Amino acid sequence: MNSDMLKGVSLGLALIVGLSLASSASAETLQAATDPSFVPFEMMDQESGEMVGFDMDILDEVAKRAGFEVDLRTMDFNGIIPAVQTGNVDLAIAGITITDEREEIVDFSDPYYDSGLRILVSANNEEIEEVDDLEGMRIGTKIGSTSYDYLQKNLGDSAEITPYPGSSDMYMALMGGSVDAVFYDAPNVGYFSQTKGEGRVKTVGPLYEGQQYGIAFANGSQWVEPANKALAEMREDGTYDEIHKKWFGEASTTE
């Protein structure tokens, strides 16, 4: 085989390898969804226009270690699980509580955050101290959330339960007097009470329904195991604690 033929073969092999790598890179870009209003887990940075938050840092690190890239889109929380279930997206991260019902239609990663539900009231409210005190009250919560399910199960028709599309909507309703209390995920409620709602609202009562958040993947996804490995490595090498401290001011106390 002469030199020209060798060059031709080499160029052909290089082209094939290049196309193969390009195809592989394309296959490793996963479509992901999040809810832009669940601070400090995910929120829009007004200066950069990019999504930032605890979940975003967790997802970035998991993706890097697991070997995939992310094409992120935002949507209302109520549509996130259906989007994963129908294959419109490959994964979702949005403070999604792992429940038996959801596990029937999507695959979850191992838990990456321990949470629960909490009551938020006006700073001068002395009537409400626990869930039982919400009877006969107007309560704001979020559409499609486990907090809405909890209220329906435990209060039902004995309270006026209003589900809002975004967490900011229900907080504005509370401060504007349209509802008497908000019942929602503890870290989000706590974050609001210490930031935009400081001095105007307060959290009361215990933590209800211990919950764990997980990354939701389409059923049968090959990426669940790599994601779990990445999460375990992040806890072992201290990366998880660094991210937790960045957004919550302290290292995680959970194993």
C-alpha atoms as a PDB file:
ATOM      1  CA  MET A   1       0.000   0.000   0.000  1.00  0.00           C
ATOM      2  CA  ASN A   2       1.553   3.320  -1.050  1.00  0.00           C
ATOM      3  CA  SER A   3       1.730   6.488   1.032  1.00  0.00           C
ATOM      4  CA  ASP A   4      -1.227   8.121  -0.723  1.00  0.00           C
ATOM      5  CA  MET A   5      -3.408   5.113   0.037  1.00  0.00           C
ATOM      6  CA  LEU A   6      -2.249   5.111   3.659  1.00  0.00           C
ATOM      7  CA  LYS A   7      -3.129   8.776   3.943  1.00  0.00           C
ATOM      8  CA  GLY A   8      -6.551   8.057   2.476  1.00  0.00           C
ATOM      9  CA  VAL A   9      -7.166   5.237   4.935  1.00  0.00           C
ATOM     10  CA  SER A  10      -6.005   7.406   7.833  1.00  0.00           C
ATOM     11  CA  LEU A  11      -8.291  10.249   6.789  1.00  0.00           C
ATOM     12  CA  GLY A  12     -11.187   7.840   6.407  1.00  0.00           C
ATOM     13  CA  LEU A  13     -10.610   6.361   9.869  1.00  0.00           C
ATOM     14  CA  ALA A  14     -10.299   9.829  11.355  1.00  0.00           C
ATOM     15  CA  LEU A  15     -13.602  10.825   9.778  1.00  0.00           C
ATOM     16  CA  ILE A  16     -15.328   7.711  11.090  1.00  0.00           C
ATOM     17  CA  VAL A  17     -13.931   8.249  14.597  1.00  0.00           C
ATOM     18  CA  GLY A  18     -14.927  11.915  14.470  1.00  0.00           C
ATOM     19  CA  LEU A  19     -18.469  11.112  13.435  1.00  0.00           C
ATOM     20  CA  SER A  20     -18.662   8.425  16.102  1.00  0.00           C
ATOM     21  CA  LEU A  21     -17.493  10.823  18.807  1.00  0.00           C
ATOM     22  CA  ALA A  22     -19.923  13.500  17.645  1.00  0.00           C
ATOM     23  CA  SER A  23     -22.770  10.995  17.713  1.00  0.00           C
ATOM     24  CA  SER A  24     -21.711   9.821  21.169  1.00  0.00           C
ATOM     25  CA  ALA A  25     -21.536  13.387  22.500  1.00  0.00           C
ATOM     26  CA  SER A  26     -24.995  14.102  21.135  1.00  0.00           C
ATOM     27  CA  ALA A  27     -26.402  10.958  22.749  1.00  0.00           C
ATOM     28  CA  GLU A  28     -25.032  12.039  26.138  1.00  0.00           C
ATOM     29  CA  THR A  29     -26.913  15.335  26.218  1.00  0.00           C
ATOM     30  CA  LEU A  30     -29.975  14.773  28.399  1.00  0.00           C
ATOM     31  CA  GLN A  31     -33.085  16.932  28.312  1.00  0.00           C
ATOM     32  CA  ALA A  32     -33.766  18.143  31.864  1.00  0.00           C
ATOM     33  CA  ALA A  33     -36.592  20.080  33.506  1.00  0.00           C
ATOM     34  CA  THR A  34     -36.808  22.213  36.612  1.00  0.00           C
ATOM     35  CA  ASP A  35     -39.203  24.648  38.278  1.00  0.00           C
ATOM     36  CA  PRO A  36     -37.804  28.205  38.260  1.00  0.00           C
ATOM     37  CA  SER A  37     -39.546  29.317  41.468  1.00  0.00           C
ATOM     38  CA  PHE A  38     -38.327  26.915  44.187  1.00  0.00           C
ATOM     39  CA  VAL A  39     -35.692  29.040  45.922  1.00  0.00           C
ATOM     40  CA  PRO A  40     -32.989  28.427  46.991  1.00  0.00           C
ATOM     41  CA  PHE A  41     -33.053  25.127  45.087  1.00  0.00           C
ATOM     42  CA  GLU A  42     -33.635  26.646  41.657  1.00  0.00           C
ATOM     43  CA  MET A  43     -34.188  30.237  40.611  1.00  0.00           C
ATOM     44  CA  MET A  44     -33.373  32.580  37.753  1.00  0.00           C
ATOM     45  CA  ASP A  45     -30.339  34.793  38.196  1.00  0.00           C
ATOM     46  CA  GLN A  46     -31.617  38.176  37.015  1.00  0.00           C
ATOM     47  CA  GLU A  47     -28.176  39.364  35.897  1.00  0.00           C
ATOM     48  CA  SER A  48     -27.008  36.319  33.934  1.00  0.00           C
ATOM     49  CA  GLY A  49     -30.393  34.916  32.937  1.00  0.00           C
ATOM     50  CA  GLU A  50     -29.165  31.484  34.043  1.00  0.00           C
ATOM     51  CA  MET A  51     -30.771  29.065  36.483  1.00  0.00           C
ATOM     52  CA  VAL A  52     -28.893  28.884  39.791  1.00  0.00           C
ATOM     53  CA  GLY A  53     -29.470  27.237  43.158  1.00  0.00           C
ATOM     54  CA  PHE A  54     -28.739  24.185  45.272  1.00  0.00           C
ATOM     55  CA  ASP A  55     -30.349  21.763  42.823  1.00  0.00           C
ATOM     56  CA  MET A  56     -28.543  23.339  39.886  1.00  0.00           C
ATOM     57  CA  ASP A  57     -25.164  22.858  41.563  1.00  0.00           C
ATOM     58  CA  ILE A  58     -26.067  19.280  42.482  1.00  0.00           C
ATOM     59  CA  LEU A  59     -27.163  18.510  38.914  1.00  0.00           C
ATOM     60  CA  ASP A  60     -24.060  20.094  37.387  1.00  0.00           C
ATOM     61  CA  GLU A  61     -21.795  18.006  39.591  1.00  0.00           C
ATOM     62  CA  VAL A  62     -23.758  14.789  39.062  1.00  0.00           C
ATOM     63  CA  ALA A  63     -23.747  15.303  35.290  1.00  0.00           C
ATOM     64  CA  LYS A  64     -20.001  15.929  35.239  1.00  0.00           C
ATOM     65  CA  ARG A  65     -19.244  12.796  37.249  1.00  0.00           C
ATOM     66  CA  ALA A  66     -21.824  10.560  35.576  1.00  0.00           C
ATOM     67  CA  GLY A  67     -20.719  11.546  32.075  1.00  0.00           C
ATOM     68  CA  PHE A  68     -23.643  13.395  30.543  1.00  0.00           C
ATOM     69  CA  GLU A  69     -24.439  16.968  29.587  1.00  0.00           C
ATOM     70  CA  VAL A  70     -27.672  18.804  30.357  1.00  0.00           C
ATOM     71  CA  ASP A  71     -30.031  20.798  28.179  1.00  0.00           C
ATOM     72  CA  LEU A  72     -32.169  22.503  30.824  1.00  0.00           C
ATOM     73  CA  ARG A  73     -35.680  23.881  30.412  1.00  0.00           C
ATOM     74  CA  THR A  74     -38.077  25.358  32.968  1.00  0.00           C
ATOM     75  CA  MET A  75     -41.750  24.581  33.517  1.00  0.00           C
ATOM     76  CA  ASP A  76     -44.424  24.724  36.208  1.00  0.00           C
ATOM     77  CA  PHE A  77     -43.876  22.078  38.860  1.00  0.00           C
ATOM     78  CA  ASN A  78     -47.219  20.459  38.109  1.00  0.00           C
ATOM     79  CA  GLY A  79     -45.997  19.466  34.647  1.00  0.00           C
ATOM     80  CA  ILE A  80     -42.590  18.124  35.587  1.00  0.00           C
ATOM     81  CA  ILE A  81     -43.387  14.509  36.530  1.00  0.00           C
ATOM     82  CA  PRO A  82     -45.701  14.074  33.494  1.00  0.00           C
ATOM     83  CA  ALA A  83     -42.891  15.424  31.276  1.00  0.00           C
ATOM     84  CA  VAL A  84     -40.494  12.784  32.597  1.00  0.00           C
ATOM     85  CA  GLN A  85     -43.146  10.064  32.436  1.00  0.00           C
ATOM     86  CA  THR A  86     -43.990  10.755  28.790  1.00  0.00           C
ATOM     87  CA  GLY A  87     -40.357  11.075  27.737  1.00  0.00           C
ATOM     88  CA  ASN A  88     -40.544  14.774  26.875  1.00  0.00           C
ATOM     89  CA  VAL A  89     -37.536  15.156  29.169  1.00  0.00           C
ATOM     90  CA  ASP A  90     -34.979  12.616  30.360  1.00  0.00           C
ATOM     91  CA  LEU A  91     -34.732  13.838  33.926  1.00  0.00           C
ATOM     92  CA  ALA A  92     -35.984  16.457  36.335  1.00  0.00           C
ATOM     93  CA  ILE A  93     -34.685  18.078  39.489  1.00  0.00           C
ATOM     94  CA  ALA A  94     -36.898  20.529  41.363  1.00  0.00           C
ATOM     95  CA  GLY A  95     -37.058  19.580  45.030  1.00  0.00           C
ATOM     96  CA  ILE A  96     -39.119  16.564  43.955  1.00  0.00           C
ATOM     97  CA  THR A  97     -40.288  14.491  46.909  1.00  0.00           C
ATOM     98  CA  ILE A  98     -39.893  10.749  46.434  1.00  0.00           C
ATOM     99  CA  THR A  99     -43.310   9.135  46.914  1.00  0.00           C
ATOM    100  CA  ASP A 100     -44.719   5.671  46.231  1.00  0.00           C
ATOM    101  CA  GLU A 101     -47.128   7.123  43.678  1.00  0.00           C
ATOM    102  CA  ARG A 102     -44.399   8.904  41.752  1.00  0.00           C
ATOM    103  CA  GLU A 103     -42.118   5.856  41.867  1.00  0.00           C
ATOM    104  CA  GLU A 104     -44.755   3.963  39.891  1.00  0.00           C
ATOM    105  CA  ILE A 105     -44.244   6.216  36.859  1.00  0.00           C
ATOM    106  CA  VAL A 106     -40.631   7.480  37.084  1.00  0.00           C
ATOM    107  CA  ASP A 107     -37.308   6.205  38.425  1.00  0.00           C
ATOM    108  CA  PHE A 108     -35.680   8.177  41.224  1.00  0.00           C
ATOM    109  CA  SER A 109     -32.054   8.552  42.158  1.00  0.00           C
ATOM    110  CA  ASP A 110     -31.040   7.920  45.735  1.00  0.00           C
ATOM    111  CA  PRO A 111     -32.257  10.759  48.001  1.00  0.00           C
ATOM    112  CA  TYR A 112     -30.039  13.843  47.958  1.00  0.00           C
ATOM    113  CA  TYR A 113     -31.912  16.069  50.446  1.00  0.00           C
ATOM    114  CA  ASP A 114     -33.991  15.505  53.584  1.00  0.00           C
ATOM    115  CA  SER A 115     -36.963  17.827  53.973  1.00  0.00           C
ATOM    116  CA  GLY A 116     -40.500  18.128  55.332  1.00  0.00           C
ATOM    117  CA  LEU A 117     -43.502  20.477  55.348  1.00  0.00           C
ATOM    118  CA  ARG A 118     -43.887  23.690  57.375  1.00  0.00           C
ATOM    119  CA  ILE A 119     -46.478  26.367  58.132  1.00  0.00           C
ATOM    120  CA  LEU A 120     -45.830  30.017  57.306  1.00  0.00           C
ATOM    121  CA  VAL A 121     -47.997  32.814  58.746  1.00  0.00           C
ATOM    122  CA  SER A 122     -47.920  36.598  59.100  1.00  0.00           C
ATOM    123  CA  ALA A 123     -45.452  37.825  61.707  1.00  0.00           C
ATOM    124  CA  ASN A 124     -48.262  39.106  63.960  1.00  0.00           C
ATOM    125  CA  ASN A 125     -50.381  35.940  63.741  1.00  0.00           C
ATOM    126  CA  GLU A 126     -50.769  34.316  67.195  1.00  0.00           C
ATOM    127  CA  GLU A 127     -53.674  31.988  66.312  1.00  0.00           C
ATOM    128  CA  ILE A 128     -51.896  29.379  64.215  1.00  0.00           C
ATOM    129  CA  GLU A 129     -49.283  27.126  65.782  1.00  0.00           C
ATOM    130  CA  GLU A 130     -49.942  23.724  64.185  1.00  0.00           C
ATOM    131  CA  VAL A 131     -51.905  22.023  61.398  1.00  0.00           C
ATOM    132  CA  ASP A 132     -55.022  21.556  63.551  1.00  0.00           C
ATOM    133  CA  ASP A 133     -55.242  25.341  63.891  1.00  0.00           C
ATOM    134  CA  LEU A 134     -55.673  25.619  60.113  1.00  0.00           C
ATOM    135  CA  GLU A 135     -59.249  24.343  60.263  1.00  0.00           C
ATOM    136  CA  GLY A 136     -61.587  27.013  58.910  1.00  0.00           C
ATOM    137  CA  MET A 137     -58.635  28.985  57.572  1.00  0.00           C
ATOM    138  CA  ARG A 138     -57.604  29.996  54.055  1.00  0.00           C
ATOM    139  CA  ILE A 139     -54.420  28.138  53.149  1.00  0.00           C
ATOM    140  CA  GLY A 140     -52.099  28.663  50.211  1.00  0.00           C
ATOM    141  CA  THR A 141     -49.964  25.861  48.819  1.00  0.00           C
ATOM    142  CA  LYS A 142     -48.510  24.789  45.475  1.00  0.00           C
ATOM    143  CA  ILE A 143     -50.223  22.917  42.654  1.00  0.00           C
ATOM    144  CA  GLY A 144     -49.079  19.314  42.313  1.00  0.00           C
ATOM    145  CA  SER A 145     -47.075  19.337  45.546  1.00  0.00           C
ATOM    146  CA  THR A 146     -47.065  16.851  48.405  1.00  0.00           C
ATOM    147  CA  SER A 147     -48.101  19.719  50.689  1.00  0.00           C
ATOM    148  CA  TYR A 148     -51.342  20.054  48.712  1.00  0.00           C
ATOM    149  CA  ASP A 149     -51.936  16.295  49.016  1.00  0.00           C
ATOM    150  CA  TYR A 150     -51.277  16.476  52.764  1.00  0.00           C
ATOM    151  CA  LEU A 151     -53.768  19.304  53.251  1.00  0.00           C
ATOM    152  CA  GLN A 152     -56.452  17.523  51.239  1.00  0.00           C
ATOM    153  CA  LYS A 153     -55.951  14.347  53.259  1.00  0.00           C
ATOM    154  CA  ASN A 154     -55.827  15.957  56.699  1.00  0.00           C
ATOM    155  CA  LEU A 155     -58.149  18.947  56.344  1.00  0.00           C
ATOM    156  CA  GLY A 156     -60.266  18.270  53.278  1.00  0.00           C
ATOM    157  CA  ASP A 157     -63.383  20.448  53.278  1.00  0.00           C
ATOM    158  CA  SER A 158     -62.680  21.888  56.735  1.00  0.00           C
ATOM    159  CA  ALA A 159     -60.395  24.553  55.257  1.00  0.00           C
ATOM    160  CA  GLU A 160     -60.233  26.678  52.126  1.00  0.00           C
ATOM    161  CA  ILE A 161     -57.204  25.275  50.293  1.00  0.00           C
ATOM    162  CA  THR A 162     -55.922  27.304  47.349  1.00  0.00           C
ATOM    163  CA  PRO A 163     -53.198  25.804  45.145  1.00  0.00           C
ATOM    164  CA  TYR A 164     -50.954  28.335  43.396  1.00  0.00           C
ATOM    165  CA  PRO A 165     -48.803  27.746  40.288  1.00  0.00           C
ATOM    166  CA  GLY A 166     -45.683  29.264  41.841  1.00  0.00           C
ATOM    167  CA  SER A 167     -44.326  29.647  45.354  1.00  0.00           C
ATOM    168  CA  SER A 168     -43.972  33.421  44.946  1.00  0.00           C
ATOM    169  CA  ASP A 169     -47.717  33.623  44.217  1.00  0.00           C
ATOM    170  CA  MET A 170     -48.715  31.991  47.494  1.00  0.00           C
ATOM    171  CA  TYR A 171     -46.258  34.097  49.495  1.00  0.00           C
ATOM    172  CA  MET A 172     -47.636  37.293  47.972  1.00  0.00           C
ATOM    173  CA  ALA A 173     -51.139  36.033  48.766  1.00  0.00           C
ATOM    174  CA  LEU A 174     -50.130  35.582  52.407  1.00  0.00           C
ATOM    175  CA  MET A 175     -48.573  39.022  52.735  1.00  0.00           C
ATOM    176  CA  GLY A 176     -51.505  40.577  50.898  1.00  0.00           C
ATOM    177  CA  GLY A 177     -54.040  38.945  53.224  1.00  0.00           C
ATOM    178  CA  SER A 178     -55.662  36.661  50.632  1.00  0.00           C
ATOM    179  CA  VAL A 179     -54.739  33.583  52.700  1.00  0.00           C
ATOM    180  CA  ASP A 180     -54.173  33.086  56.418  1.00  0.00           C
ATOM    181  CA  ALA A 181     -51.256  30.686  56.073  1.00  0.00           C
ATOM    182  CA  VAL A 182     -48.996  28.943  53.598  1.00  0.00           C
ATOM    183  CA  PHE A 183     -48.152  25.256  53.925  1.00  0.00           C
ATOM    184  CA  TYR A 184     -45.214  24.066  51.858  1.00  0.00           C
ATOM    185  CA  ASP A 185     -41.713  22.538  51.793  1.00  0.00           C
ATOM    186  CA  ALA A 186     -39.756  23.594  54.885  1.00  0.00           C
ATOM    187  CA  PRO A 187     -36.511  24.804  53.216  1.00  0.00           C
ATOM    188  CA  ASN A 188     -38.386  27.015  50.752  1.00  0.00           C
ATOM    189  CA  VAL A 189     -40.667  28.421  53.450  1.00  0.00           C
ATOM    190  CA  GLY A 190     -37.707  29.020  55.749  1.00  0.00           C
ATOM    191  CA  TYR A 191     -35.671  30.712  53.026  1.00  0.00           C
ATOM    192  CA  PHE A 192     -38.515  33.113  52.200  1.00  0.00           C
ATOM    193  CA  SER A 193     -39.060  33.999  55.864  1.00  0.00           C
ATOM    194  CA  GLN A 194     -35.388  35.005  56.167  1.00  0.00           C
ATOM    195  CA  THR A 195     -35.151  36.920  52.886  1.00  0.00           C
ATOM    196  CA  LYS A 196     -38.014  38.717  51.132  1.00  0.00           C
ATOM    197  CA  GLY A 197     -40.460  37.982  53.932  1.00  0.00           C
ATOM    198  CA  GLU A 198     -38.179  38.935  56.817  1.00  0.00           C
ATOM    199  CA  GLY A 199     -40.105  40.782  59.518  1.00  0.00           C
ATOM    200  CA  ARG A 200     -43.422  40.204  57.729  1.00  0.00           C
ATOM    201  CA  VAL A 201     -43.850  36.430  58.047  1.00  0.00           C
ATOM    202  CA  LYS A 202     -42.682  33.633  60.323  1.00  0.00           C
ATOM    203  CA  THR A 203     -42.598  29.832  60.367  1.00  0.00           C
ATOM    204  CA  VAL A 204     -44.544  28.051  63.118  1.00  0.00           C
ATOM    205  CA  GLY A 205     -45.100  24.533  64.364  1.00  0.00           C
ATOM    206  CA  PRO A 206     -43.112  21.348  63.850  1.00  0.00           C
ATOM    207  CA  LEU A 207     -41.833  19.751  60.667  1.00  0.00           C
ATOM    208  CA  TYR A 208     -44.548  17.596  59.097  1.00  0.00           C
ATOM    209  CA  GLU A 209     -44.038  14.477  56.998  1.00  0.00           C
ATOM    210  CA  GLY A 210     -40.324  13.788  56.783  1.00  0.00           C
ATOM    211  CA  GLN A 211     -39.542  13.789  53.066  1.00  0.00           C
ATOM    212  CA  GLN A 212     -36.622  13.139  50.766  1.00  0.00           C
ATOM    213  CA  TYR A 213     -35.881  14.731  47.408  1.00  0.00           C
ATOM    214  CA  GLY A 214     -34.583  12.741  44.449  1.00  0.00           C
ATOM    215  CA  ILE A 215     -33.666  13.301  40.809  1.00  0.00           C
ATOM    216  CA  ALA A 216     -36.452  11.904  38.634  1.00  0.00           C
ATOM    217  CA  PHE A 217     -35.493   9.909  35.537  1.00  0.00           C
ATOM    218  CA  ALA A 218     -37.588   8.268  32.858  1.00  0.00           C
ATOM    219  CA  ASN A 219     -38.488   4.678  33.722  1.00  0.00           C
ATOM    220  CA  GLY A 220     -35.661   2.294  32.875  1.00  0.00           C
ATOM    221  CA  SER A 221     -33.122   5.103  32.436  1.00  0.00           C
ATOM    222  CA  GLN A 222     -29.508   3.948  32.190  1.00  0.00           C
ATOM    223  CA  TRP A 223     -28.424   7.084  34.073  1.00  0.00           C
ATOM    224  CA  VAL A 224     -29.896   6.259  37.480  1.00  0.00           C
ATOM    225  CA  GLU A 225     -26.962   4.100  38.560  1.00  0.00           C
ATOM    226  CA  PRO A 226     -24.266   6.584  37.388  1.00  0.00           C
ATOM    227  CA  ALA A 227     -26.162   9.388  39.146  1.00  0.00           C
ATOM    228  CA  ASN A 228     -26.317   7.386  42.382  1.00  0.00           C
ATOM    229  CA  LYS A 229     -22.588   6.689  42.167  1.00  0.00           C
ATOM    230  CA  ALA A 230     -21.912  10.381  41.628  1.00  0.00           C
ATOM    231  CA  LEU A 231     -24.075  11.391  44.615  1.00  0.00           C
ATOM    232  CA  ALA A 232     -22.280   8.876  46.843  1.00  0.00           C
ATOM    233  CA  GLU A 233     -18.882  10.175  45.744  1.00  0.00           C
ATOM    234  CA  MET A 234     -19.969  13.762  46.390  1.00  0.00           C
ATOM    235  CA  ARG A 235     -20.907  12.915  49.968  1.00  0.00           C
ATOM    236  CA  GLU A 236     -17.678  11.001  50.535  1.00  0.00           C
ATOM    237  CA  ASP A 237     -15.298  13.676  49.234  1.00  0.00           C
ATOM    238  CA  GLY A 238     -17.047  16.653  50.844  1.00  0.00           C
ATOM    239  CA  THR A 239     -18.416  18.213  47.645  1.00  0.00           C
ATOM    240  CA  TYR A 240     -22.018  17.773  48.801  1.00  0.00           C
ATOM    241  CA  ASP A 241     -21.313  19.581  52.073  1.00  0.00           C
ATOM    242  CA  GLU A 242     -19.646  22.442  50.197  1.00  0.00           C
ATOM    243  CA  ILE A 243     -22.719  22.915  48.004  1.00  0.00           C
ATOM    244  CA  HIS A 244     -25.054  22.631  51.006  1.00  0.00           C
ATOM    245  CA  LYS A 245     -23.087  25.248  52.945  1.00  0.00           C
ATOM    246  CA  LYS A 246     -23.102  27.597  49.943  1.00  0.00           C
ATOM    247  CA  TRP A 247     -26.921  27.713  49.840  1.00  0.00           C
ATOM    248  CA  PHE A 248     -28.002  27.013  53.426  1.00  0.00           C
ATOM    249  CA  GLY A 249     -25.120  28.462  55.432  1.00  0.00           C
ATOM    250  CA  GLU A 250     -24.108  25.175  57.020  1.00  0.00           C
ATOM    251  CA  ALA A 251     -22.877  21.722  56.087  1.00  0.00           C
ATOM    252  CA  SER A 252     -25.414  18.924  55.816  1.00  0.00           C
ATOM    253  CA  THR A 253     -26.156  17.051  59.035  1.00  0.00           C
ATOM    254  CA  THR A 254     -27.514  13.996  57.189  1.00  0.00           C
ATOM    255  CA  GLU A 255     -25.589  10.958  56.072  1.00  0.00           C
END
